[in-house]
Structures are given as structure tokens and as C-alpha cells.
Amino acid sequence: MESLQKLAWRCRRGTKELDFLMQKYLNNYYQTASEDLQHAFERMLDMQDPELYDLLVGRQTSKDQNINQVIEYIYR
């Protein structure tokens, strides 16, 4: 598991919208999330911006249910 500082840096994306959404999860849910969801969030940070954006706006769904669950938390 990465430090929160490193994760916060990785949340900085190409657009403010992605920055906001990823920071929201990190700040509000990451620390209390299960290990599976923490890893799913970290995998999301490895994605390219267009792929991540498509997931977050609902153009695509992930085959990974943990990633889909992270997205649900982001929109709470």
C-alpha cells in the first residue's frame, strides 16, 4: 500500500474533474475501505485519463467489481 501523500500526488490528473473525483475518494473513503477496494483504487490510478474518465462518467463499466464499487463510493 502506498502512502497517502504518494496517492494524493497520483490523483492529480489531466483534468480538474478527474482530480476532484479521485481526491474525493482518497479523502473520504480510502483509509477505511477494505484492502480489496484500496487496491482497486490504486489500479484506477494506473489507468490512462481517457479510460478512467469513461468509467467515471458511465460510458464504460469495469469487469472488476471492486473498481465499480469504488466508483459507487465516489458518487455518494
C-alpha atoms as a PDB file:
ATOM      1  CA  MET A   1       0.000   0.000   0.000  1.00  0.00           C
ATOM      2  CA  GLU A   2       1.303   3.406  -0.955  1.00  0.00           C
ATOM      3  CA  SER A   3       1.491   6.348   1.397  1.00  0.00           C
ATOM      4  CA  LEU A   4      -1.378   8.821   1.321  1.00  0.00           C
ATOM      5  CA  GLN A   5       0.984  11.534   0.061  1.00  0.00           C
ATOM      6  CA  LYS A   6       2.000   9.432  -2.942  1.00  0.00           C
ATOM      7  CA  LEU A   7      -1.605   8.552  -3.661  1.00  0.00           C
ATOM      8  CA  ALA A   8      -2.632  12.215  -3.428  1.00  0.00           C
ATOM      9  CA  TRP A   9       0.061  13.066  -5.969  1.00  0.00           C
ATOM     10  CA  ARG A  10      -1.151  10.300  -8.278  1.00  0.00           C
ATOM     11  CA  CYS A  11      -4.709  11.679  -8.024  1.00  0.00           C
ATOM     12  CA  ARG A  12      -3.517  14.754  -9.896  1.00  0.00           C
ATOM     13  CA  ARG A  13      -4.805  14.058 -13.376  1.00  0.00           C
ATOM     14  CA  GLY A  14      -5.103  15.893 -16.670  1.00  0.00           C
ATOM     15  CA  THR A  15      -8.425  17.485 -15.852  1.00  0.00           C
ATOM     16  CA  LYS A  16      -9.846  19.152 -12.763  1.00  0.00           C
ATOM     17  CA  GLU A  17     -12.876  16.872 -12.894  1.00  0.00           C
ATOM     18  CA  LEU A  18     -10.730  13.754 -12.575  1.00  0.00           C
ATOM     19  CA  ASP A  19      -8.598  15.420  -9.897  1.00  0.00           C
ATOM     20  CA  PHE A  20     -11.721  16.231  -7.891  1.00  0.00           C
ATOM     21  CA  LEU A  21     -13.308  12.791  -8.177  1.00  0.00           C
ATOM     22  CA  MET A  22     -10.180  10.836  -7.345  1.00  0.00           C
ATOM     23  CA  GLN A  23      -9.281  13.143  -4.439  1.00  0.00           C
ATOM     24  CA  LYS A  24     -12.829  12.797  -3.133  1.00  0.00           C
ATOM     25  CA  TYR A  25     -12.452   9.033  -2.798  1.00  0.00           C
ATOM     26  CA  LEU A  26      -8.976   9.313  -1.314  1.00  0.00           C
ATOM     27  CA  ASN A  27     -10.060  11.880   1.273  1.00  0.00           C
ATOM     28  CA  ASN A  28     -13.417  10.389   2.222  1.00  0.00           C
ATOM     29  CA  TYR A  29     -13.215   6.619   1.811  1.00  0.00           C
ATOM     30  CA  TYR A  30      -9.756   5.225   1.071  1.00  0.00           C
ATOM     31  CA  GLN A  31      -8.457   4.880   4.622  1.00  0.00           C
ATOM     32  CA  THR A  32     -11.500   2.981   5.867  1.00  0.00           C
ATOM     33  CA  ALA A  33     -12.012   0.926   2.697  1.00  0.00           C
ATOM     34  CA  SER A  34     -11.272  -2.771   2.557  1.00  0.00           C
ATOM     35  CA  GLU A  35      -7.907  -3.817   1.230  1.00  0.00           C
ATOM     36  CA  ASP A  36      -9.581  -5.012  -1.985  1.00  0.00           C
ATOM     37  CA  LEU A  37     -11.118  -1.575  -2.585  1.00  0.00           C
ATOM     38  CA  GLN A  38      -7.856   0.172  -1.755  1.00  0.00           C
ATOM     39  CA  HIS A  39      -6.096  -1.943  -4.367  1.00  0.00           C
ATOM     40  CA  ALA A  40      -8.883  -1.281  -6.877  1.00  0.00           C
ATOM     41  CA  PHE A  41      -8.451   2.467  -6.349  1.00  0.00           C
ATOM     42  CA  GLU A  42      -4.703   2.139  -6.865  1.00  0.00           C
ATOM     43  CA  ARG A  43      -5.349   0.213 -10.103  1.00  0.00           C
ATOM     44  CA  MET A  44      -7.622   3.040 -11.214  1.00  0.00           C
ATOM     45  CA  LEU A  45      -4.747   5.465 -10.665  1.00  0.00           C
ATOM     46  CA  ASP A  46      -2.690   3.371 -13.089  1.00  0.00           C
ATOM     47  CA  MET A  47      -5.254   3.896 -15.866  1.00  0.00           C
ATOM     48  CA  GLN A  48      -4.875   6.435 -18.631  1.00  0.00           C
ATOM     49  CA  ASP A  49      -7.090   9.500 -18.247  1.00  0.00           C
ATOM     50  CA  PRO A  50      -9.475   8.691 -21.141  1.00  0.00           C
ATOM     51  CA  GLU A  51     -10.135   5.186 -19.802  1.00  0.00           C
ATOM     52  CA  LEU A  52     -10.622   6.469 -16.259  1.00  0.00           C
ATOM     53  CA  TYR A  53     -12.915   9.255 -17.450  1.00  0.00           C
ATOM     54  CA  ASP A  54     -15.081   6.801 -19.411  1.00  0.00           C
ATOM     55  CA  LEU A  55     -15.500   4.665 -16.296  1.00  0.00           C
ATOM     56  CA  LEU A  56     -16.336   7.612 -14.090  1.00  0.00           C
ATOM     57  CA  VAL A  57     -18.951   9.095 -16.428  1.00  0.00           C
ATOM     58  CA  GLY A  58     -20.547   5.721 -17.111  1.00  0.00           C
ATOM     59  CA  ARG A  59     -19.534   5.297 -20.736  1.00  0.00           C
ATOM     60  CA  GLN A  60     -17.897   2.025 -19.741  1.00  0.00           C
ATOM     61  CA  THR A  61     -18.142  -0.374 -16.848  1.00  0.00           C
ATOM     62  CA  SER A  62     -15.274  -2.356 -15.482  1.00  0.00           C
ATOM     63  CA  LYS A  63     -15.149  -6.140 -15.383  1.00  0.00           C
ATOM     64  CA  ASP A  64     -13.594  -5.622 -11.934  1.00  0.00           C
ATOM     65  CA  GLN A  65     -16.444  -5.335  -9.440  1.00  0.00           C
ATOM     66  CA  ASN A  66     -14.171  -3.703  -6.888  1.00  0.00           C
ATOM     67  CA  ILE A  67     -13.480  -0.843  -9.310  1.00  0.00           C
ATOM     68  CA  ASN A  68     -17.214  -0.483  -9.892  1.00  0.00           C
ATOM     69  CA  GLN A  69     -17.706  -0.314  -6.138  1.00  0.00           C
ATOM     70  CA  VAL A  70     -15.067   2.432  -5.806  1.00  0.00           C
ATOM     71  CA  ILE A  71     -16.938   4.404  -8.472  1.00  0.00           C
ATOM     72  CA  GLU A  72     -20.153   3.984  -6.477  1.00  0.00           C
ATOM     73  CA  TYR A  73     -18.423   5.450  -3.424  1.00  0.00           C
ATOM     74  CA  ILE A  74     -17.127   8.386  -5.452  1.00  0.00           C
ATOM     75  CA  TYR A  75     -20.687   9.363  -6.348  1.00  0.00           C
ATOM     76  CA  ARG A  76     -22.135   9.094  -2.839  1.00  0.00           C
END
